[in-house]
Amino acid sequence: MQVLPVSPLTLVPAASQPAKPDAAAGASGFGRMLERALEEVNNAQVRADRVALDFLTGRVQELHQVTIAMEEARIMMSLAVEVRNKIVEAYQEISRMQV
């Protein structure tokens, strides 16, 4: 199953949709999606650090830009931690199942 990122709506006719990938491709697709999400979190953290440094050196004058970048990075990190917690919780629940 291919998971598409949330973006502006685009209508795609059913005939032009890609064929369903097999289980191995789905697993790598999920892994790639998680990798991209973590890259976005890292980029937000780096961007917040850069904006804060620019503010301290005087290149950025508006404090709200720094606040927005820092808050965006904090929220993205919180979301990543919560997703990780849910994945660990699901793994633990599956490992407790009796077969």
C-alpha atoms as a PDB file:
ATOM      1  CA  MET A   1       0.000   0.000   0.000  1.00  0.00           C
ATOM      2  CA  GLN A   2       1.451   3.316  -1.013  1.00  0.00           C
ATOM      3  CA  VAL A   3       0.987   6.203   1.417  1.00  0.00           C
ATOM      4  CA  LEU A   4       0.949   9.597  -0.239  1.00  0.00           C
ATOM      5  CA  PRO A   5       1.882  12.742   1.694  1.00  0.00           C
ATOM      6  CA  VAL A   6      -0.823  15.221   2.550  1.00  0.00           C
ATOM      7  CA  SER A   7      -0.707  17.927  -0.056  1.00  0.00           C
ATOM      8  CA  PRO A   8      -3.086  20.015  -2.139  1.00  0.00           C
ATOM      9  CA  LEU A   9      -5.779  17.836  -3.644  1.00  0.00           C
ATOM     10  CA  THR A  10      -5.134  16.461  -7.085  1.00  0.00           C
ATOM     11  CA  LEU A  11      -7.605  14.222  -8.824  1.00  0.00           C
ATOM     12  CA  VAL A  12      -6.054  11.170 -10.423  1.00  0.00           C
ATOM     13  CA  PRO A  13      -8.166   8.891 -12.627  1.00  0.00           C
ATOM     14  CA  ALA A  14      -8.299   5.323 -11.337  1.00  0.00           C
ATOM     15  CA  ALA A  15      -6.794   3.944 -14.550  1.00  0.00           C
ATOM     16  CA  SER A  16      -3.601   5.974 -14.112  1.00  0.00           C
ATOM     17  CA  GLN A  17      -2.959   4.924 -10.512  1.00  0.00           C
ATOM     18  CA  PRO A  18       0.126   2.744 -10.016  1.00  0.00           C
ATOM     19  CA  ALA A  19      -0.258  -0.979  -9.462  1.00  0.00           C
ATOM     20  CA  LYS A  20      -0.347  -2.163  -5.862  1.00  0.00           C
ATOM     21  CA  PRO A  21       3.155  -3.008  -4.634  1.00  0.00           C
ATOM     22  CA  ASP A  22       3.924  -6.363  -3.009  1.00  0.00           C
ATOM     23  CA  ALA A  23       4.507  -6.752   0.735  1.00  0.00           C
ATOM     24  CA  ALA A  24       8.284  -6.183   0.547  1.00  0.00           C
ATOM     25  CA  ALA A  25       7.845  -2.962  -1.410  1.00  0.00           C
ATOM     26  CA  GLY A  26       5.199  -1.845   1.095  1.00  0.00           C
ATOM     27  CA  ALA A  27       7.554  -2.425   3.984  1.00  0.00           C
ATOM     28  CA  SER A  28      10.317  -0.424   2.336  1.00  0.00           C
ATOM     29  CA  GLY A  29       7.778   2.280   1.476  1.00  0.00           C
ATOM     30  CA  PHE A  30       6.794   2.578   5.139  1.00  0.00           C
ATOM     31  CA  GLY A  31      10.432   2.675   6.173  1.00  0.00           C
ATOM     32  CA  ARG A  32      11.152   5.339   3.565  1.00  0.00           C
ATOM     33  CA  MET A  33       8.159   7.364   4.771  1.00  0.00           C
ATOM     34  CA  LEU A  34       9.469   7.251   8.360  1.00  0.00           C
ATOM     35  CA  GLU A  35      12.927   8.216   7.137  1.00  0.00           C
ATOM     36  CA  ARG A  36      11.550  11.246   5.279  1.00  0.00           C
ATOM     37  CA  ALA A  37       9.510  12.267   8.325  1.00  0.00           C
ATOM     38  CA  LEU A  38      12.588  12.128  10.546  1.00  0.00           C
ATOM     39  CA  GLU A  39      14.540  14.122   7.972  1.00  0.00           C
ATOM     40  CA  GLU A  40      11.818  16.792   8.107  1.00  0.00           C
ATOM     41  CA  VAL A  41      12.026  16.890  11.908  1.00  0.00           C
ATOM     42  CA  ASN A  42      15.795  17.247  11.716  1.00  0.00           C
ATOM     43  CA  ASN A  43      15.513  19.984   9.089  1.00  0.00           C
ATOM     44  CA  ALA A  44      13.061  21.881  11.311  1.00  0.00           C
ATOM     45  CA  GLN A  45      15.500  21.652  14.227  1.00  0.00           C
ATOM     46  CA  VAL A  46      18.393  22.884  12.065  1.00  0.00           C
ATOM     47  CA  ARG A  47      16.235  25.699  10.645  1.00  0.00           C
ATOM     48  CA  ALA A  48      15.219  26.794  14.173  1.00  0.00           C
ATOM     49  CA  ASP A  49      18.862  26.825  15.272  1.00  0.00           C
ATOM     50  CA  ARG A  50      19.862  28.838  12.201  1.00  0.00           C
ATOM     51  CA  VAL A  51      17.080  31.410  12.732  1.00  0.00           C
ATOM     52  CA  ALA A  52      18.007  31.764  16.412  1.00  0.00           C
ATOM     53  CA  LEU A  53      21.663  32.278  15.494  1.00  0.00           C
ATOM     54  CA  ASP A  54      20.667  34.807  12.828  1.00  0.00           C
ATOM     55  CA  PHE A  55      18.617  36.675  15.441  1.00  0.00           C
ATOM     56  CA  LEU A  56      21.503  36.721  17.892  1.00  0.00           C
ATOM     57  CA  THR A  57      23.908  38.003  15.244  1.00  0.00           C
ATOM     58  CA  GLY A  58      21.471  40.688  14.090  1.00  0.00           C
ATOM     59  CA  ARG A  59      20.654  39.284  10.633  1.00  0.00           C
ATOM     60  CA  VAL A  60      17.016  38.698  11.623  1.00  0.00           C
ATOM     61  CA  GLN A  61      15.255  41.558  13.369  1.00  0.00           C
ATOM     62  CA  GLU A  62      11.811  40.041  14.024  1.00  0.00           C
ATOM     63  CA  LEU A  63      11.527  37.967  17.182  1.00  0.00           C
ATOM     64  CA  HIS A  64       8.327  36.354  15.910  1.00  0.00           C
ATOM     65  CA  GLN A  65      10.293  34.570  13.147  1.00  0.00           C
ATOM     66  CA  VAL A  66      12.498  32.973  15.789  1.00  0.00           C
ATOM     67  CA  THR A  67       9.517  32.062  17.943  1.00  0.00           C
ATOM     68  CA  ILE A  68       7.637  30.494  15.033  1.00  0.00           C
ATOM     69  CA  ALA A  69      10.640  28.438  13.899  1.00  0.00           C
ATOM     70  CA  MET A  70      11.372  27.221  17.426  1.00  0.00           C
ATOM     71  CA  GLU A  71       7.747  26.338  18.121  1.00  0.00           C
ATOM     72  CA  GLU A  72       7.424  24.510  14.800  1.00  0.00           C
ATOM     73  CA  ALA A  73      10.527  22.462  15.615  1.00  0.00           C
ATOM     74  CA  ARG A  74       9.219  21.702  19.120  1.00  0.00           C
ATOM     75  CA  ILE A  75       5.840  20.548  17.826  1.00  0.00           C
ATOM     76  CA  MET A  76       7.425  18.366  15.142  1.00  0.00           C
ATOM     77  CA  MET A  77       9.716  16.757  17.709  1.00  0.00           C
ATOM     78  CA  SER A  78       6.794  16.141  20.068  1.00  0.00           C
ATOM     79  CA  LEU A  79       4.856  14.488  17.264  1.00  0.00           C
ATOM     80  CA  ALA A  80       7.839  12.300  16.343  1.00  0.00           C
ATOM     81  CA  VAL A  81       8.249  11.195  19.962  1.00  0.00           C
ATOM     82  CA  GLU A  82       4.543  10.362  20.252  1.00  0.00           C
ATOM     83  CA  VAL A  83       4.627   8.345  17.020  1.00  0.00           C
ATOM     84  CA  ARG A  84       7.678   6.476  18.319  1.00  0.00           C
ATOM     85  CA  ASN A  85       5.864   5.775  21.595  1.00  0.00           C
ATOM     86  CA  LYS A  86       2.850   4.399  19.723  1.00  0.00           C
ATOM     87  CA  ILE A  87       5.058   2.170  17.557  1.00  0.00           C
ATOM     88  CA  VAL A  88       6.861   0.802  20.635  1.00  0.00           C
ATOM     89  CA  GLU A  89       3.530   0.277  22.389  1.00  0.00           C
ATOM     90  CA  ALA A  90       2.132  -1.590  19.363  1.00  0.00           C
ATOM     91  CA  TYR A  91       5.268  -3.759  19.168  1.00  0.00           C
ATOM     92  CA  GLN A  92       4.999  -4.613  22.863  1.00  0.00           C
ATOM     93  CA  GLU A  93       1.319  -5.458  22.473  1.00  0.00           C
ATOM     94  CA  ILE A  94       2.068  -7.767  19.542  1.00  0.00           C
ATOM     95  CA  SER A  95       4.926  -9.435  21.428  1.00  0.00           C
ATOM     96  CA  ARG A  96       2.544 -10.200  24.337  1.00  0.00           C
ATOM     97  CA  MET A  97       0.076 -11.978  22.041  1.00  0.00           C
ATOM     98  CA  GLN A  98      -0.132 -15.721  22.434  1.00  0.00           C
ATOM     99  CA  VAL A  99       0.177 -17.682  19.228  1.00  0.00           C
END
